[in-house]
Structures are given as C-alpha cells and as structure tokens.
Amino acid sequence: MPGAVRTARGVPAARKLLEPVTELLGRVPLSAHQLLFRLAIASVFLPAALLKLASWESTIALFQDEYKVPLLPPLIAAVMATTSELACSSLLIVGLATRLAALPLLGQIVTIQLFVYPHAWHEHLVWGSILLFLLTWGGGTMSLDYLLRRWLGPQPF
C-alpha cells in the first residue's frame, strides 16, 4: 500500500499548491468576465452581419434556399437577422443597453437552433449561456451602462 500513502500525502500537497492559484483567480473581477463575454458574442455576430451586408443578394438567396425560417418571407428574415446582429453586437461592444441587446440575439440563437442548424447545439449552448449571463448580470463596470448609471443615478426601470 505504498501508493495509498503517497496519494494521501499528495492531496494536501496539491491543495497547498493550488490554493494560491485559486485565490489569485478568485480576485479576477466579475466585470472582466462581463467585458470578455460581451466581446466574445459580438465577435460572432458582428462579422456575420457585415458579411450579410457585403453580399446582400447572396444573403437573400441563403435565407431563401438554406435557412428557410418558417412564417417569415426570406427578405424580412434577412433584414431582421442582419439588423439584430449589427445593432446588438455594436451595443454589446460598448456595453450600452447590454441586457436589452442580449434578448434579440438569444431569440435568434433559439430560432437558428430550432429551424436552421439543430445539429450545432454545442455552439448555440455556449452562446446562449453567455447571453443568459449578460442578461442576468448586465454589462459590468467596464460598460457605458455603468457610466450612465453613475452619471444619471439609479433608475426605476
């Protein structure tokens, strides 16, 4: 049973080594996560919007032939998706109306998951989780939301 003795001794030694690392990681401000999450989501949706705008004819064809969103004509679906991606990504980058900007993108992810690319659930799960985090926690102290709240004072909404 010499291995058991080493394992028993190794656990406290490993814990002793990990405690400073864990403590250091615990000091990372939540606002840093919020900023990185906002930028991560914008880095997905903003390029998609710019690509749609760069080749609008191809975008309409894509919505008509591949995406086939139910209940919406392809042109309307393309305009809605592009507008949502462009506006909401821009708001997330600067941290303005973060919670409000997260909602349309979350709805778009649900629509894509259900009707367009159901096999891409792993990506949608990550993006949706980040958006839910931003929806519940907001943009953080590194955002225009925070600066406006400090300048205007707490608002009842």
Protein backbone atom coordinates (compact mmCIF):
# COMPACT_ATOMS: atom_id res chain seq x y z
CA MET A 1 0.00 0.00 0.00
CA PRO A 2 2.82 2.44 -0.56
CA GLY A 3 0.78 4.07 -3.35
CA ALA A 4 -2.03 4.88 -0.94
CA VAL A 5 0.36 6.69 1.36
CA ARG A 6 1.71 8.80 -1.49
CA THR A 7 -1.79 9.65 -2.64
CA ALA A 8 -2.83 10.67 0.85
CA ARG A 9 0.25 12.87 1.20
CA GLY A 10 -0.14 14.17 -2.35
CA VAL A 11 -3.62 15.55 -1.79
CA PRO A 12 -2.62 18.08 0.88
CA ALA A 13 0.49 18.97 -1.12
CA ALA A 14 -1.56 19.53 -4.26
CA ARG A 15 -4.12 21.54 -2.30
CA LYS A 16 -1.32 23.67 -0.87
CA LEU A 17 -0.03 24.36 -4.38
CA LEU A 18 -3.49 25.12 -5.78
CA GLU A 19 -4.69 27.45 -3.01
CA PRO A 20 -2.65 30.48 -4.12
CA VAL A 21 -3.69 29.94 -7.73
CA THR A 22 -7.34 29.60 -6.75
CA GLU A 23 -7.11 32.70 -4.58
CA LEU A 24 -5.49 34.67 -7.40
CA LEU A 25 -8.15 33.55 -9.89
CA GLY A 26 -10.85 34.48 -7.37
CA ARG A 27 -9.60 38.07 -7.50
CA VAL A 28 -10.40 38.48 -11.19
CA PRO A 29 -13.25 40.99 -11.20
CA LEU A 30 -16.62 39.85 -12.49
CA SER A 31 -16.56 42.90 -14.75
CA ALA A 32 -13.59 41.46 -16.66
CA HIS A 33 -15.68 38.38 -17.44
CA GLN A 34 -18.59 40.56 -18.48
CA LEU A 35 -16.40 42.57 -20.85
CA LEU A 36 -14.89 39.44 -22.39
CA PHE A 37 -18.32 37.83 -22.75
CA ARG A 38 -19.69 40.93 -24.49
CA LEU A 39 -16.74 40.99 -26.89
CA ALA A 40 -16.96 37.24 -27.50
CA ILE A 41 -20.61 37.40 -28.55
CA ALA A 42 -20.00 40.50 -30.68
CA SER A 43 -17.10 38.70 -32.38
CA VAL A 44 -19.54 36.06 -33.56
CA PHE A 45 -22.50 38.18 -34.65
CA LEU A 46 -20.88 41.38 -35.96
CA PRO A 47 -18.80 39.64 -38.68
CA ALA A 48 -21.91 37.66 -39.66
CA ALA A 49 -23.86 40.90 -40.09
CA LEU A 50 -21.08 42.57 -42.06
CA LEU A 51 -20.81 39.54 -44.34
CA LYS A 52 -24.57 39.64 -44.95
CA LEU A 53 -24.36 43.35 -45.84
CA ALA A 54 -21.34 42.88 -48.11
CA SER A 55 -23.23 40.46 -50.34
CA TRP A 56 -26.91 41.21 -49.92
CA GLU A 57 -28.02 39.20 -52.96
CA SER A 58 -26.25 36.11 -51.58
CA THR A 59 -27.80 36.77 -48.18
CA ILE A 60 -31.32 36.79 -49.64
CA ALA A 61 -30.55 33.58 -51.54
CA LEU A 62 -29.20 31.98 -48.36
CA PHE A 63 -32.36 32.84 -46.44
CA GLN A 64 -34.49 31.63 -49.33
CA ASP A 65 -32.71 28.36 -50.11
CA GLU A 66 -30.95 27.20 -46.96
CA TYR A 67 -32.26 28.90 -43.81
CA LYS A 68 -35.98 28.80 -44.69
CA VAL A 69 -37.17 30.41 -41.45
CA PRO A 70 -40.85 29.48 -41.02
CA LEU A 71 -43.56 32.16 -41.11
CA LEU A 72 -41.23 34.88 -42.43
CA PRO A 73 -40.50 35.76 -46.04
CA PRO A 74 -36.75 35.47 -46.77
CA LEU A 75 -36.28 39.21 -47.28
CA ILE A 76 -37.87 40.10 -43.94
CA ALA A 77 -35.95 37.37 -42.11
CA ALA A 78 -32.68 38.58 -43.67
CA VAL A 79 -33.34 42.20 -42.72
CA MET A 80 -34.31 41.25 -39.17
CA ALA A 81 -31.30 38.98 -38.65
CA THR A 82 -28.82 41.47 -40.12
CA THR A 83 -30.24 44.42 -38.20
CA SER A 84 -30.29 42.46 -34.96
CA GLU A 85 -26.73 41.18 -35.40
CA LEU A 86 -25.36 44.60 -36.33
CA ALA A 87 -27.18 46.69 -33.73
CA CYS A 88 -26.95 44.29 -30.81
CA SER A 89 -23.28 43.48 -31.41
CA SER A 90 -22.46 47.20 -31.51
CA LEU A 91 -24.34 47.76 -28.26
CA LEU A 92 -22.56 44.84 -26.60
CA ILE A 93 -19.13 46.11 -27.64
CA VAL A 94 -19.62 49.40 -25.81
CA GLY A 95 -21.79 47.91 -23.09
CA LEU A 96 -24.85 50.03 -23.76
CA ALA A 97 -28.28 48.52 -23.06
CA THR A 98 -26.49 45.21 -22.52
CA ARG A 99 -29.48 43.31 -21.17
CA LEU A 100 -31.74 44.61 -23.91
CA ALA A 101 -29.15 43.81 -26.60
CA ALA A 102 -28.81 40.24 -25.33
CA LEU A 103 -32.50 39.43 -25.84
CA PRO A 104 -32.78 39.58 -29.66
CA LEU A 105 -29.54 37.63 -30.06
CA LEU A 106 -30.82 34.99 -27.67
CA GLY A 107 -34.04 34.78 -29.69
CA GLN A 108 -32.03 34.49 -32.87
CA ILE A 109 -29.98 31.63 -31.42
CA VAL A 110 -33.15 29.79 -30.41
CA THR A 111 -34.58 30.28 -33.92
CA ILE A 112 -31.39 29.05 -35.57
CA GLN A 113 -31.24 26.06 -33.24
CA LEU A 114 -34.85 25.04 -33.81
CA PHE A 115 -35.27 25.71 -37.52
CA VAL A 116 -31.93 26.12 -39.28
CA TYR A 117 -28.99 24.26 -37.72
CA PRO A 118 -30.27 21.89 -34.99
CA HIS A 119 -27.03 19.89 -35.13
CA ALA A 120 -24.99 22.95 -33.98
CA TRP A 121 -26.40 22.80 -30.46
CA HIS A 122 -22.95 22.86 -28.82
CA GLU A 123 -22.15 26.31 -30.26
CA HIS A 124 -25.64 27.59 -29.55
CA LEU A 125 -25.42 26.33 -25.97
CA VAL A 126 -22.20 28.28 -25.39
CA TRP A 127 -23.52 31.47 -27.00
CA GLY A 128 -26.85 31.16 -25.22
CA SER A 129 -25.17 30.61 -21.86
CA ILE A 130 -23.04 33.73 -22.31
CA LEU A 131 -26.08 35.76 -23.34
CA LEU A 132 -28.07 34.49 -20.35
CA PHE A 133 -25.17 35.53 -18.11
CA LEU A 134 -25.19 39.03 -19.64
CA LEU A 135 -28.96 39.17 -19.40
CA THR A 136 -28.89 38.42 -15.68
CA TRP A 137 -25.69 40.25 -14.65
CA GLY A 138 -25.59 43.14 -17.14
CA GLY A 139 -22.56 44.75 -18.77
CA GLY A 140 -20.44 45.28 -15.65
CA THR A 141 -18.36 48.23 -14.54
CA MET A 142 -16.44 48.35 -17.84
CA SER A 143 -19.52 49.42 -19.79
CA LEU A 144 -21.44 52.51 -20.82
CA ASP A 145 -24.36 51.12 -18.83
CA TYR A 146 -22.31 51.52 -15.66
CA LEU A 147 -21.06 55.01 -16.56
CA LEU A 148 -24.58 56.20 -17.39
CA ARG A 149 -25.96 54.71 -14.19
CA ARG A 150 -23.31 56.56 -12.18
CA TRP A 151 -23.94 59.81 -14.05
CA LEU A 152 -27.74 59.65 -14.07
CA GLY A 153 -28.20 57.84 -10.77
CA PRO A 154 -30.25 54.71 -10.21
CA GLN A 155 -33.26 54.45 -12.48
CA PRO A 156 -36.56 52.78 -11.54
CA PHE A 157 -36.53 50.52 -14.62
